[in-house]
PDB file of N, CA and C in Angstrom:
ATOM      1  N   PHE A   1      99.488  74.858  92.349  1.00  0.00           N
ATOM      2  CA  PHE A   1     100.065  75.114  93.654  1.00  0.00           C
ATOM      3  C   PHE A   1     101.573  75.150  93.513  1.00  0.00           C
ATOM      4  N   TYR A   2     102.179  76.201  94.034  1.00  0.00           N
ATOM      5  CA  TYR A   2     103.632  76.315  93.993  1.00  0.00           C
ATOM      6  C   TYR A   2     104.145  76.527  95.395  1.00  0.00           C
ATOM      7  N   HIS A   3     105.195  75.827  95.732  1.00  0.00           N
ATOM      8  CA  HIS A   3     105.828  75.973  97.039  1.00  0.00           C
ATOM      9  C   HIS A   3     107.317  75.791  96.862  1.00  0.00           C
ATOM     10  N   GLY A   4     108.092  76.680  97.434  1.00  0.00           N
ATOM     11  CA  GLY A   4     109.534  76.512  97.368  1.00  0.00           C
ATOM     12  C   GLY A   4     110.253  77.785  96.976  1.00  0.00           C
ATOM     13  N   VAL A   5     111.536  77.639  96.824  1.00  0.00           N
ATOM     14  CA  VAL A   5     112.404  78.762  96.488  1.00  0.00           C
ATOM     15  C   VAL A   5     112.352  79.031  94.986  1.00  0.00           C
ATOM     16  N   TYR A   6     112.397  80.287  94.637  1.00  0.00           N
ATOM     17  CA  TYR A   6     112.524  80.663  93.233  1.00  0.00           C
ATOM     18  C   TYR A   6     113.382  81.918  93.167  1.00  0.00           C
ATOM     19  N   PHE A   7     113.888  82.198  91.983  1.00  0.00           N
ATOM     20  CA  PHE A   7     114.763  83.350  91.799  1.00  0.00           C
ATOM     21  C   PHE A   7     114.082  84.363  90.888  1.00  0.00           C
ATOM     22  N   ARG A   8     114.531  85.590  90.925  1.00  0.00           N
ATOM     23  CA  ARG A   8     113.907  86.704  90.210  1.00  0.00           C
ATOM     24  C   ARG A   8     113.525  86.368  88.762  1.00  0.00           C
ATOM     25  N   PRO A   9     114.417  85.772  87.969  1.00  0.00           N
ATOM     26  CA  PRO A   9     114.034  85.483  86.576  1.00  0.00           C
ATOM     27  C   PRO A   9     112.868  84.491  86.451  1.00  0.00           C
ATOM     28  N   GLN A  10     112.572  83.750  87.507  1.00  0.00           N
ATOM     29  CA  GLN A  10     111.507  82.739  87.466  1.00  0.00           C
ATOM     30  C   GLN A  10     110.148  83.264  87.911  1.00  0.00           C
ATOM     31  N   ILE A  11     110.080  84.500  88.401  1.00  0.00           N
ATOM     32  CA  ILE A  11     108.846  85.002  89.001  1.00  0.00           C
ATOM     33  C   ILE A  11     107.645  84.867  88.064  1.00  0.00           C
ATOM     34  N   GLY A  12     107.786  85.303  86.832  1.00  0.00           N
ATOM     35  CA  GLY A  12     106.661  85.223  85.894  1.00  0.00           C
ATOM     36  C   GLY A  12     106.154  83.807  85.707  1.00  0.00           C
ATOM     37  N   SER A  13     107.064  82.858  85.520  1.00  0.00           N
ATOM     38  CA  SER A  13     106.624  81.475  85.303  1.00  0.00           C
ATOM     39  C   SER A  13     106.034  80.871  86.571  1.00  0.00           C
ATOM     40  N   VAL A  14     106.541  81.252  87.727  1.00  0.00           N
ATOM     41  CA  VAL A  14     105.980  80.757  88.994  1.00  0.00           C
ATOM     42  C   VAL A  14     104.563  81.295  89.169  1.00  0.00           C
ATOM     43  N   MET A  15     104.384  82.589  88.915  1.00  0.00           N
ATOM     44  CA  MET A  15     103.074  83.210  89.097  1.00  0.00           C
ATOM     45  C   MET A  15     102.033  82.634  88.133  1.00  0.00           C
ATOM     46  N   THR A  16     102.435  82.304  86.921  1.00  0.00           N
ATOM     47  CA  THR A  16     101.468  81.770  85.958  1.00  0.00           C
ATOM     48  C   THR A  16     101.082  80.323  86.266  1.00  0.00           C
ATOM     49  N   GLN A  17     101.803  79.654  87.135  1.00  0.00           N
ATOM     50  CA  GLN A  17     101.447  78.294  87.543  1.00  0.00           C
ATOM     51  C   GLN A  17     100.267  78.285  88.512  1.00  0.00           C
ATOM     52  N   CYS A  18      99.923  79.448  89.032  1.00  0.00           N
ATOM     53  CA  CYS A  18      98.836  79.565  90.008  1.00  0.00           C
ATOM     54  C   CYS A  18      97.575  80.085  89.321  1.00  0.00           C
ATOM     55  N   ASP A  19      96.436  79.485  89.634  1.00  0.00           N
ATOM     56  CA  ASP A  19      95.168  80.010  89.125  1.00  0.00           C
ATOM     57  C   ASP A  19      94.817  81.296  89.854  1.00  0.00           C
ATOM     58  N   VAL A  20      95.020  81.284  91.170  1.00  0.00           N
ATOM     59  CA  VAL A  20      94.688  82.402  92.052  1.00  0.00           C
ATOM     60  C   VAL A  20      95.740  82.431  93.155  1.00  0.00           C
ATOM     61  N   ALA A  21      96.067  83.632  93.621  1.00  0.00           N
ATOM     62  CA  ALA A  21      97.023  83.758  94.727  1.00  0.00           C
ATOM     63  C   ALA A  21      96.309  84.272  95.969  1.00  0.00           C
ATOM     64  N   LEU A  22      96.699  83.750  97.111  1.00  0.00           N
ATOM     65  CA  LEU A  22      96.188  84.208  98.397  1.00  0.00           C
ATOM     66  C   LEU A  22      97.323  84.970  99.075  1.00  0.00           C
ATOM     67  N   VAL A  23      97.074  86.254  99.400  1.00  0.00           N
ATOM     68  CA  VAL A  23      98.096  87.094 100.028  1.00  0.00           C
ATOM     69  C   VAL A  23      97.512  87.615 101.346  1.00  0.00           C
ATOM     70  N   PRO A  24      97.702  86.850 102.425  1.00  0.00           N
ATOM     71  CA  PRO A  24      97.085  87.214 103.710  1.00  0.00           C
ATOM     72  C   PRO A  24      97.953  88.130 104.582  1.00  0.00           C
ATOM     73  N   SER A  25      98.394  89.240 104.019  1.00  0.00           N
ATOM     74  CA  SER A  25      99.243  90.169 104.772  1.00  0.00           C
ATOM     75  C   SER A  25      98.559  90.627 106.053  1.00  0.00           C
ATOM     76  N   ARG A  26      99.374  90.834 107.069  1.00  0.00           N
ATOM     77  CA  ARG A  26      98.864  91.302 108.350  1.00  0.00           C
ATOM     78  C   ARG A  26      99.319  92.732 108.630  1.00  0.00           C
ATOM     79  N   PHE A  27     100.173  93.252 107.776  1.00  0.00           N
ATOM     80  CA  PHE A  27     100.726  94.588 107.976  1.00  0.00           C
ATOM     81  C   PHE A  27     100.511  95.422 106.727  1.00  0.00           C
ATOM     82  N   GLU A  28     100.348  96.724 106.920  1.00  0.00           N
ATOM     83  CA  GLU A  28     100.155  97.628 105.796  1.00  0.00           C
ATOM     84  C   GLU A  28     101.418  97.709 104.956  1.00  0.00           C
ATOM     85  N   GLU A  29     101.237  97.705 103.658  1.00  0.00           N
ATOM     86  CA  GLU A  29     102.344  97.888 102.725  1.00  0.00           C
ATOM     87  C   GLU A  29     102.076  99.171 101.951  1.00  0.00           C
ATOM     88  N   THR A  30     103.129  99.769 101.421  1.00  0.00           N
ATOM     89  CA  THR A  30     102.952 101.032 100.719  1.00  0.00           C
ATOM     90  C   THR A  30     102.700 100.857  99.226  1.00  0.00           C
ATOM     91  N   TYR A  31     102.967  99.699  98.666  1.00  0.00           N
ATOM     92  CA  TYR A  31     102.716  99.497  97.240  1.00  0.00           C
ATOM     93  C   TYR A  31     102.342  98.055  96.919  1.00  0.00           C
ATOM     94  N   SER A  32     103.088  97.105  97.350  1.00  0.00           N
ATOM     95  CA  SER A  32     102.914  95.684  97.119  1.00  0.00           C
ATOM     96  C   SER A  32     103.413  95.234  95.750  1.00  0.00           C
ATOM     97  N   LEU A  33     104.677  94.945  95.707  1.00  0.00           N
ATOM     98  CA  LEU A  33     105.295  94.421  94.498  1.00  0.00           C
ATOM     99  C   LEU A  33     104.694  93.060  94.136  1.00  0.00           C
ATOM    100  N   VAL A  34     104.335  92.276  95.139  1.00  0.00           N
ATOM    101  CA  VAL A  34     103.741  90.954  94.894  1.00  0.00           C
ATOM    102  C   VAL A  34     102.464  91.081  94.063  1.00  0.00           C
ATOM    103  N   LEU A  35     101.595  92.022  94.424  1.00  0.00           N
ATOM    104  CA  LEU A  35     100.353  92.200  93.680  1.00  0.00           C
ATOM    105  C   LEU A  35     100.650  92.604  92.236  1.00  0.00           C
ATOM    106  N   SER A  36     101.613  93.489  92.055  1.00  0.00           N
ATOM    107  CA  SER A  36     101.988  93.897  90.694  1.00  0.00           C
ATOM    108  C   SER A  36     102.503  92.716  89.893  1.00  0.00           C
ATOM    109  N   GLU A  37     103.345  91.892  90.484  1.00  0.00           N
ATOM    110  CA  GLU A  37     103.895  90.730  89.781  1.00  0.00           C
ATOM    111  C   GLU A  37     102.803  89.723  89.443  1.00  0.00           C
ATOM    112  N   LEU A  38     101.851  89.538  90.340  1.00  0.00           N
ATOM    113  CA  LEU A  38     100.734  88.632  90.063  1.00  0.00           C
ATOM    114  C   LEU A  38      99.918  89.143  88.879  1.00  0.00           C
ATOM    115  N   TRP A  39      99.565  90.415  88.908  1.00  0.00           N
ATOM    116  CA  TRP A  39      98.765  90.977  87.827  1.00  0.00           C
ATOM    117  C   TRP A  39      99.509  90.940  86.503  1.00  0.00           C
ATOM    118  N   ARG A  40     100.802  91.225  86.507  1.00  0.00           N
ATOM    119  CA  ARG A  40     101.575  91.182  85.258  1.00  0.00           C
ATOM    120  C   ARG A  40     101.586  89.769  84.689  1.00  0.00           C
ATOM    121  N   ALA A  41     101.504  88.758  85.559  1.00  0.00           N
ATOM    122  CA  ALA A  41     101.482  87.362  85.113  1.00  0.00           C
ATOM    123  C   ALA A  41     100.061  86.913  84.757  1.00  0.00           C
ATOM    124  N   GLY A  42      99.064  87.790  84.966  1.00  0.00           N
ATOM    125  CA  GLY A  42      97.682  87.432  84.667  1.00  0.00           C
ATOM    126  C   GLY A  42      97.035  86.581  85.739  1.00  0.00           C
ATOM    127  N   THR A  43      97.557  86.646  86.961  1.00  0.00           N
ATOM    128  CA  THR A  43      97.045  85.838  88.067  1.00  0.00           C
ATOM    129  C   THR A  43      96.251  86.706  89.031  1.00  0.00           C
ATOM    130  N   PRO A  44      94.948  86.441  89.192  1.00  0.00           N
ATOM    131  CA  PRO A  44      94.155  87.213  90.146  1.00  0.00           C
ATOM    132  C   PRO A  44      94.545  86.863  91.580  1.00  0.00           C
ATOM    133  N   ALA A  45      94.202  87.749  92.512  1.00  0.00           N
ATOM    134  CA  ALA A  45      94.598  87.538  93.899  1.00  0.00           C
ATOM    135  C   ALA A  45      93.455  87.805  94.858  1.00  0.00           C
ATOM    136  N   ALA A  46      93.512  87.135  95.978  1.00  0.00           N
ATOM    137  CA  ALA A  46      92.675  87.424  97.134  1.00  0.00           C
ATOM    138  C   ALA A  46      93.641  88.002  98.167  1.00  0.00           C
ATOM    139  N   VAL A  47      93.383  89.240  98.586  1.00  0.00           N
ATOM    140  CA  VAL A  47      94.323  89.922  99.476  1.00  0.00           C
ATOM    141  C   VAL A  47      93.616  90.488 100.694  1.00  0.00           C
ATOM    142  N   ALA A  48      94.403  90.697 101.739  1.00  0.00           N
ATOM    143  CA  ALA A  48      93.878  91.314 102.947  1.00  0.00           C
ATOM    144  C   ALA A  48      93.527  92.773 102.676  1.00  0.00           C
ATOM    145  N   ARG A  49      92.427  93.201 103.238  1.00  0.00           N
ATOM    146  CA  ARG A  49      91.946  94.578 103.077  1.00  0.00           C
ATOM    147  C   ARG A  49      92.740  95.481 104.023  1.00  0.00           C
ATOM    148  N   ILE A  50      94.013  95.711 103.643  1.00  0.00           N
ATOM    149  CA  ILE A  50      94.883  96.521 104.484  1.00  0.00           C
ATOM    150  C   ILE A  50      95.976  97.148 103.620  1.00  0.00           C
ATOM    151  N   GLY A  51      96.297  98.387 103.884  1.00  0.00           N
ATOM    152  CA  GLY A  51      97.374  99.055 103.172  1.00  0.00           C
ATOM    153  C   GLY A  51      97.125  99.178 101.682  1.00  0.00           C
ATOM    154  N   ALA A  52      98.216  99.247 100.934  1.00  0.00           N
ATOM    155  CA  ALA A  52      98.141  99.477  99.490  1.00  0.00           C
ATOM    156  C   ALA A  52      97.402  98.369  98.753  1.00  0.00           C
ATOM    157  N   MET A  53      97.578  97.126  99.185  1.00  0.00           N
ATOM    158  CA  MET A  53      96.877  96.043  98.472  1.00  0.00           C
ATOM    159  C   MET A  53      95.378  96.224  98.560  1.00  0.00           C
ATOM    160  N   GLY A  54      94.892  96.533  99.741  1.00  0.00           N
ATOM    161  CA  GLY A  54      93.459  96.735  99.926  1.00  0.00           C
ATOM    162  C   GLY A  54      92.929  97.935  99.163  1.00  0.00           C
ATOM    163  N   GLU A  55      93.808  98.916  98.899  1.00  0.00           N
ATOM    164  CA  GLU A  55      93.399 100.098  98.148  1.00  0.00           C
ATOM    165  C   GLU A  55      93.504  99.886  96.641  1.00  0.00           C
ATOM    166  N   ARG A  56      94.488  99.145  96.198  1.00  0.00           N
ATOM    167  CA  ARG A  56      94.703  98.942  94.758  1.00  0.00           C
ATOM    168  C   ARG A  56      93.709  97.960  94.154  1.00  0.00           C
ATOM    169  N   LEU A  57      93.380  96.918  94.880  1.00  0.00           N
ATOM    170  CA  LEU A  57      92.516  95.869  94.359  1.00  0.00           C
ATOM    171  C   LEU A  57      91.051  96.258  94.528  1.00  0.00           C
ATOM    172  N   ARG A  58      90.256  96.053  93.489  1.00  0.00           N
ATOM    173  CA  ARG A  58      88.823  96.333  93.536  1.00  0.00           C
ATOM    174  C   ARG A  58      88.079  95.006  93.691  1.00  0.00           C
ATOM    175  N   ASP A  59      87.443  94.841  94.827  1.00  0.00           N
ATOM    176  CA  ASP A  59      86.782  93.580  95.163  1.00  0.00           C
ATOM    177  C   ASP A  59      85.749  93.199  94.108  1.00  0.00           C
ATOM    178  N   GLY A  60      85.915  92.003  93.554  1.00  0.00           N
ATOM    179  CA  GLY A  60      84.985  91.496  92.559  1.00  0.00           C
ATOM    180  C   GLY A  60      85.235  92.008  91.157  1.00  0.00           C
ATOM    181  N   VAL A  61      86.241  92.868  90.979  1.00  0.00           N
ATOM    182  CA  VAL A  61      86.556  93.429  89.670  1.00  0.00           C
ATOM    183  C   VAL A  61      87.894  92.897  89.174  1.00  0.00           C
ATOM    184  N   ASP A  62      88.912  92.952  90.015  1.00  0.00           N
ATOM    185  CA  ASP A  62      90.236  92.434  89.638  1.00  0.00           C
ATOM    186  C   ASP A  62      90.872  91.642  90.781  1.00  0.00           C
ATOM    187  N   GLY A  63      90.045  91.168  91.691  1.00  0.00           N
ATOM    188  CA  GLY A  63      90.512  90.362  92.819  1.00  0.00           C
ATOM    189  C   GLY A  63      89.434  90.304  93.878  1.00  0.00           C
ATOM    190  N   ARG A  64      89.794  89.731  95.011  1.00  0.00           N
ATOM    191  CA  ARG A  64      88.856  89.654  96.130  1.00  0.00           C
ATOM    192  C   ARG A  64      89.567  90.120  97.383  1.00  0.00           C
ATOM    193  N   LEU A  65      88.797  90.738  98.277  1.00  0.00           N
ATOM    194  CA  LEU A  65      89.321  91.267  99.522  1.00  0.00           C
ATOM    195  C   LEU A  65      88.747  90.511 100.716  1.00  0.00           C
ATOM    196  N   PHE A  66      89.524  90.470 101.791  1.00  0.00           N
ATOM    197  CA  PHE A  66      89.049  89.915 103.049  1.00  0.00           C
ATOM    198  C   PHE A  66      89.701  90.678 104.193  1.00  0.00           C
ATOM    199  N   THR A  67      89.087  90.615 105.357  1.00  0.00           N
ATOM    200  CA  THR A  67      89.621  91.266 106.545  1.00  0.00           C
ATOM    201  C   THR A  67      90.849  90.498 107.031  1.00  0.00           C
ATOM    202  N   PRO A  68      91.932  91.214 107.376  1.00  0.00           N
ATOM    203  CA  PRO A  68      93.131  90.508 107.870  1.00  0.00           C
ATOM    204  C   PRO A  68      92.793  89.601 109.059  1.00  0.00           C
ATOM    205  N   ASP A  69      93.356  88.422 109.044  1.00  0.00           N
ATOM    206  CA  ASP A  69      93.210  87.426 110.126  1.00  0.00           C
ATOM    207  C   ASP A  69      91.796  86.856 110.268  1.00  0.00           C
ATOM    208  N   ALA A  70      90.898  87.141 109.343  1.00  0.00           N
ATOM    209  CA  ALA A  70      89.532  86.625 109.432  1.00  0.00           C
ATOM    210  C   ALA A  70      89.451  85.315 108.638  1.00  0.00           C
ATOM    211  N   ALA A  71      89.721  84.217 109.312  1.00  0.00           N
ATOM    212  CA  ALA A  71      89.775  82.900 108.654  1.00  0.00           C
ATOM    213  C   ALA A  71      88.481  82.567 107.926  1.00  0.00           C
ATOM    214  N   ASP A  72      87.339  82.935 108.507  1.00  0.00           N
ATOM    215  CA  ASP A  72      86.062  82.632 107.862  1.00  0.00           C
ATOM    216  C   ASP A  72      85.906  83.394 106.540  1.00  0.00           C
ATOM    217  N   GLU A  73      86.377  84.645 106.491  1.00  0.00           N
ATOM    218  CA  GLU A  73      86.318  85.412 105.243  1.00  0.00           C
ATOM    219  C   GLU A  73      87.285  84.846 104.203  1.00  0.00           C
ATOM    220  N   ILE A  74      88.466  84.460 104.645  1.00  0.00           N
ATOM    221  CA  ILE A  74      89.441  83.867 103.721  1.00  0.00           C
ATOM    222  C   ILE A  74      88.857  82.596 103.123  1.00  0.00           C
ATOM    223  N   GLU A  75      88.271  81.772 103.969  1.00  0.00           N
ATOM    224  CA  GLU A  75      87.652  80.536 103.487  1.00  0.00           C
ATOM    225  C   GLU A  75      86.536  80.840 102.492  1.00  0.00           C
ATOM    226  N   SER A  76      85.710  81.823 102.793  1.00  0.00           N
ATOM    227  CA  SER A  76      84.600  82.181 101.916  1.00  0.00           C
ATOM    228  C   SER A  76      85.101  82.683 100.560  1.00  0.00           C
ATOM    229  N   VAL A  77      86.135  83.523 100.568  1.00  0.00           N
ATOM    230  CA  VAL A  77      86.694  84.058  99.327  1.00  0.00           C
ATOM    231  C   VAL A  77      87.309  82.938  98.492  1.00  0.00           C
ATOM    232  N   MET A  78      88.060  82.061  99.111  1.00  0.00           N
ATOM    233  CA  MET A  78      88.689  80.970  98.366  1.00  0.00           C
ATOM    234  C   MET A  78      87.632  79.999  97.834  1.00  0.00           C
ATOM    235  N   GLU A  79      86.578  79.770  98.605  1.00  0.00           N
ATOM    236  CA  GLU A  79      85.489  78.915  98.123  1.00  0.00           C
ATOM    237  C   GLU A  79      84.808  79.564  96.923  1.00  0.00           C
ATOM    238  N   TRP A  80      84.668  80.894  96.950  1.00  0.00           N
ATOM    239  CA  TRP A  80      84.083  81.615  95.825  1.00  0.00           C
ATOM    240  C   TRP A  80      84.888  81.370  94.554  1.00  0.00           C
ATOM    241  N   PHE A  81      86.219  81.441  94.653  1.00  0.00           N
ATOM    242  CA  PHE A  81      87.065  81.186  93.482  1.00  0.00           C
ATOM    243  C   PHE A  81      86.875  79.754  92.973  1.00  0.00           C
ATOM    244  N   LEU A  82      86.660  78.813  93.876  1.00  0.00           N
ATOM    245  CA  LEU A  82      86.498  77.408  93.482  1.00  0.00           C
ATOM    246  C   LEU A  82      85.141  77.113  92.857  1.00  0.00           C
ATOM    247  N   THR A  83      84.124  77.898  93.223  1.00  0.00           N
ATOM    248  CA  THR A  83      82.768  77.561  92.794  1.00  0.00           C
ATOM    249  C   THR A  83      82.206  78.462  91.693  1.00  0.00           C
ATOM    250  N   THR A  84      82.975  79.428  91.240  1.00  0.00           N
ATOM    251  CA  THR A  84      82.513  80.298  90.158  1.00  0.00           C
ATOM    252  C   THR A  84      83.631  80.488  89.145  1.00  0.00           C
ATOM    253  N   ASP A  85      83.242  80.753  87.933  1.00  0.00           N
ATOM    254  CA  ASP A  85      84.238  81.041  86.892  1.00  0.00           C
ATOM    255  C   ASP A  85      84.236  82.514  86.514  1.00  0.00           C
ATOM    256  N   GLU A  86      83.438  83.317  87.206  1.00  0.00           N
ATOM    257  CA  GLU A  86      83.326  84.746  86.918  1.00  0.00           C
ATOM    258  C   GLU A  86      84.693  85.426  86.852  1.00  0.00           C
ATOM    259  N   TRP A  87      85.583  85.067  87.754  1.00  0.00           N
ATOM    260  CA  TRP A  87      86.905  85.692  87.845  1.00  0.00           C
ATOM    261  C   TRP A  87      87.798  85.392  86.648  1.00  0.00           C
ATOM    262  N   ARG A  88      87.507  84.327  85.937  1.00  0.00           N
ATOM    263  CA  ARG A  88      88.355  83.975  84.785  1.00  0.00           C
ATOM    264  C   ARG A  88      88.253  85.003  83.657  1.00  0.00           C
ATOM    265  N   GLY A  89      87.204  85.806  83.658  1.00  0.00           N
ATOM    266  CA  GLY A  89      87.035  86.830  82.641  1.00  0.00           C
ATOM    267  C   GLY A  89      87.505  88.216  83.066  1.00  0.00           C
ATOM    268  N   TRP A  90      88.041  88.315  84.281  1.00  0.00           N
ATOM    269  CA  TRP A  90      88.494  89.624  84.759  1.00  0.00           C
ATOM    270  C   TRP A  90      89.605  90.179  83.886  1.00  0.00           C
ATOM    271  N   LYS A  91      89.571  91.475  83.656  1.00  0.00           N
ATOM    272  CA  LYS A  91      90.668  92.164  82.982  1.00  0.00           C
ATOM    273  C   LYS A  91      91.526  92.758  84.092  1.00  0.00           C
ATOM    274  N   LEU A  92      92.649  92.115  84.339  1.00  0.00           N
ATOM    275  CA  LEU A  92      93.520  92.556  85.419  1.00  0.00           C
ATOM    276  C   LEU A  92      94.333  93.771  85.004  1.00  0.00           C
ATOM    277  N   PRO A  93      94.614  94.653  85.959  1.00  0.00           N
ATOM    278  CA  PRO A  93      95.451  95.819  85.649  1.00  0.00           C
ATOM    279  C   PRO A  93      96.826  95.393  85.155  1.00  0.00           C
ATOM    280  N   SER A  94      97.465  96.263  84.413  1.00  0.00           N
ATOM    281  CA  SER A  94      98.827  96.012  83.938  1.00  0.00           C
ATOM    282  C   SER A  94      99.742  97.032  84.604  1.00  0.00           C
ATOM    283  N   PRO A  95     100.267  96.696  85.783  1.00  0.00           N
ATOM    284  CA  PRO A  95     101.106  97.643  86.526  1.00  0.00           C
ATOM    285  C   PRO A  95     102.364  98.038  85.759  1.00  0.00           C
ATOM    286  N   ARG A  96     102.810  99.230  86.036  1.00  0.00           N
ATOM    287  CA  ARG A  96     104.043  99.729  85.429  1.00  0.00           C
ATOM    288  C   ARG A  96     105.244  98.982  86.007  1.00  0.00           C
ATOM    289  N   LEU A  97     106.273  98.850  85.195  1.00  0.00           N
ATOM    290  CA  LEU A  97     107.526  98.252  85.653  1.00  0.00           C
ATOM    291  C   LEU A  97     108.361  99.313  86.354  1.00  0.00           C
ATOM    292  N   ALA A  98     109.307  98.873  87.173  1.00  0.00           N
ATOM    293  CA  ALA A  98     110.144  99.786  87.947  1.00  0.00           C
ATOM    294  C   ALA A  98     110.856 100.828  87.078  1.00  0.00           C
ATOM    295  N   PRO A  99     111.453 100.456  85.935  1.00  0.00           N
ATOM    296  CA  PRO A  99     112.122 101.482  85.125  1.00  0.00           C
ATOM    297  C   PRO A  99     111.155 102.576  84.643  1.00  0.00           C
ATOM    298  N   GLU A 100     109.939 102.190  84.294  1.00  0.00           N
ATOM    299  CA  GLU A 100     108.943 103.168  83.859  1.00  0.00           C
ATOM    300  C   GLU A 100     108.581 104.107  85.002  1.00  0.00           C
ATOM    301  N   MET A 101     108.341 103.537  86.193  1.00  0.00           N
ATOM    302  CA  MET A 101     108.013 104.362  87.351  1.00  0.00           C
ATOM    303  C   MET A 101     109.175 105.281  87.696  1.00  0.00           C
ATOM    304  N   ALA A 102     110.405 104.770  87.640  1.00  0.00           N
ATOM    305  CA  ALA A 102     111.579 105.587  87.951  1.00  0.00           C
ATOM    306  C   ALA A 102     111.677 106.760  86.989  1.00  0.00           C
ATOM    307  N   GLY A 103     111.412 106.526  85.717  1.00  0.00           N
ATOM    308  CA  GLY A 103     111.436 107.599  84.730  1.00  0.00           C
ATOM    309  C   GLY A 103     110.384 108.664  85.020  1.00  0.00           C
ATOM    310  N   GLU A 104     109.192 108.219  85.428  1.00  0.00           N
ATOM    311  CA  GLU A 104     108.132 109.166  85.760  1.00  0.00           C
ATOM    312  C   GLU A 104     108.497 109.987  86.996  1.00  0.00           C
ATOM    313  N   TYR A 105     109.065 109.326  88.016  1.00  0.00           N
ATOM    314  CA  TYR A 105     109.482 110.051  89.219  1.00  0.00           C
ATOM    315  C   TYR A 105     110.599 111.031  88.903  1.00  0.00           C
ATOM    316  N   ASP A 106     111.517 110.644  88.033  1.00  0.00           N
ATOM    317  CA  ASP A 106     112.605 111.531  87.642  1.00  0.00           C
ATOM    318  C   ASP A 106     112.043 112.777  86.948  1.00  0.00           C
ATOM    319  N   ALA A 107     111.088 112.572  86.051  1.00  0.00           N
ATOM    320  CA  ALA A 107     110.485 113.705  85.347  1.00  0.00           C
ATOM    321  C   ALA A 107     109.750 114.622  86.326  1.00  0.00           C
ATOM    322  N   LEU A 108     109.035 114.053  87.290  1.00  0.00           N
ATOM    323  CA  LEU A 108     108.346 114.865  88.301  1.00  0.00           C
ATOM    324  C   LEU A 108     109.347 115.665  89.135  1.00  0.00           C
ATOM    325  N   TYR A 109     110.426 115.017  89.520  1.00  0.00           N
ATOM    326  CA  TYR A 109     111.455 115.675  90.331  1.00  0.00           C
ATOM    327  C   TYR A 109     112.075 116.838  89.559  1.00  0.00           C
ATOM    328  N   ARG A 110     112.421 116.589  88.305  1.00  0.00           N
ATOM    329  CA  ARG A 110     113.038 117.651  87.487  1.00  0.00           C
ATOM    330  C   ARG A 110     112.062 118.818  87.281  1.00  0.00           C
ATOM    331  N   ALA A 111     110.799 118.520  87.071  1.00  0.00           N
ATOM    332  CA  ALA A 111     109.797 119.577  86.906  1.00  0.00           C
ATOM    333  C   ALA A 111     109.657 120.385  88.195  1.00  0.00           C
ATOM    334  N   ALA A 112     109.695 119.704  89.339  1.00  0.00           N
ATOM    335  CA  ALA A 112     109.604 120.408  90.620  1.00  0.00           C
ATOM    336  C   ALA A 112     110.813 121.310  90.828  1.00  0.00           C
ATOM    337  N   LEU A 113     111.987 120.845  90.436  1.00  0.00           N
ATOM    338  CA  LEU A 113     113.188 121.671  90.565  1.00  0.00           C
ATOM    339  C   LEU A 113     113.104 122.921  89.700  1.00  0.00           C
ATOM    340  N   GLU A 114     112.534 122.791  88.525  1.00  0.00           N
ATOM    341  CA  GLU A 114     112.411 123.940  87.624  1.00  0.00           C
ATOM    342  C   GLU A 114     111.434 124.972  88.168  1.00  0.00           C
ATOM    343  N   ARG A 115     110.449 124.527  88.931  1.00  0.00           N
ATOM    344  CA  ARG A 115     109.426 125.444  89.467  1.00  0.00           C
ATOM    345  C   ARG A 115     109.777 125.969  90.855  1.00  0.00           C
ATOM    346  N   ARG A 116     110.875 125.536  91.422  1.00  0.00           N
ATOM    347  CA  ARG A 116     111.172 125.886  92.814  1.00  0.00           C
ATOM    348  C   ARG A 116     111.204 127.404  93.001  1.00  0.00           C
ATOM    349  N   PRO A 117     110.600 127.884  94.079  1.00  0.00           N
ATOM    350  CA  PRO A 117     110.546 129.329  94.322  1.00  0.00           C
ATOM    351  C   PRO A 117     111.805 129.856  95.012  1.00  0.00           C
ATOM    352  N   TRP A 118     112.693 129.010  95.361  1.00  0.00           N
ATOM    353  CA  TRP A 118     113.897 129.420  96.079  1.00  0.00           C
ATOM    354  C   TRP A 118     115.114 129.211  95.201  1.00  0.00           C
ATOM    355  N   ALA A 119     116.161 129.868  95.540  1.00  0.00           N
ATOM    356  CA  ALA A 119     117.424 129.725  94.808  1.00  0.00           C
ATOM    357  C   ALA A 119     118.456 129.114  95.747  1.00  0.00           C
ATOM    358  N   PRO A 120     119.346 128.299  95.216  1.00  0.00           N
ATOM    359  CA  PRO A 120     120.385 127.725  96.076  1.00  0.00           C
ATOM    360  C   PRO A 120     121.285 128.835  96.617  1.00  0.00           C
ATOM    361  N   PRO A 121     121.906 128.627  97.780  1.00  0.00           N
ATOM    362  CA  PRO A 121     122.764 129.643  98.360  1.00  0.00           C
ATOM    363  C   PRO A 121     123.939 129.984  97.430  1.00  0.00           C
ATOM    364  N   ALA A 122     124.347 131.252  97.477  1.00  0.00           N
ATOM    365  CA  ALA A 122     125.462 131.699  96.624  1.00  0.00           C
ATOM    366  C   ALA A 122     126.775 131.050  97.055  1.00  0.00           C
ATOM    367  N   THR A 123     126.896 130.788  98.313  1.00  0.00           N
ATOM    368  CA  THR A 123     128.108 130.132  98.820  1.00  0.00           C
ATOM    369  C   THR A 123     127.701 128.811  99.444  1.00  0.00           C
ATOM    370  N   SER A 124     128.632 127.915  99.565  1.00  0.00           N
ATOM    371  CA  SER A 124     128.326 126.615 100.163  1.00  0.00           C
ATOM    372  C   SER A 124     128.149 126.774 101.675  1.00  0.00           C
ATOM    373  N   PRO A 125     127.360 125.906 102.288  1.00  0.00           N
ATOM    374  CA  PRO A 125     127.141 125.952 103.744  1.00  0.00           C
ATOM    375  C   PRO A 125     128.474 125.776 104.483  1.00  0.00           C
ATOM    376  N   PRO A 126     128.583 126.266 105.711  1.00  0.00           N
ATOM    377  CA  PRO A 126     129.819 126.186 106.488  1.00  0.00           C
ATOM    378  C   PRO A 126     130.380 124.789 106.591  1.00  0.00           C
ATOM    379  N   HIS A 127     129.508 123.776 106.733  1.00  0.00           N
ATOM    380  CA  HIS A 127     130.009 122.411 106.893  1.00  0.00           C
ATOM    381  C   HIS A 127     130.621 121.846 105.608  1.00  0.00           C
ATOM    382  N   GLU A 128     130.407 122.515 104.464  1.00  0.00           N
ATOM    383  CA  GLU A 128     130.968 122.051 103.202  1.00  0.00           C
ATOM    384  C   GLU A 128     132.216 122.832 102.765  1.00  0.00           C
ATOM    385  N   ARG A 129     132.617 123.826 103.581  1.00  0.00           N
ATOM    386  CA  ARG A 129     133.781 124.647 103.208  1.00  0.00           C
ATOM    387  C   ARG A 129     135.076 123.976 103.580  1.00  0.00           C
TER     388      ARG A 129
END
């Protein structure tokens, strides 16, 4: 169990102190850096079935899902982690780091620019003159 303030360089060591993480988000997220950091630390998670976390995590394969705000489901999922060791053998995904993703996005952007069907204007727009 970990509670308190931590700083960026400590994230990995904080995450590895937890057997399992509970992430009861109530709002949709577009990616979930928290889930990526947990998986990189080898820590499985129980997350709300909403947004990117609910889409990225495969229930019973690399984490557990529950309905947002459903206390009975959260309790059931956490009890499952306490009463079975099945999850200890899970092979958790290894998410890409930000620099790797940035490089991939840069390559996609450059490829899209090379394929563009339009040409930039011969003269600059009036507001730039």
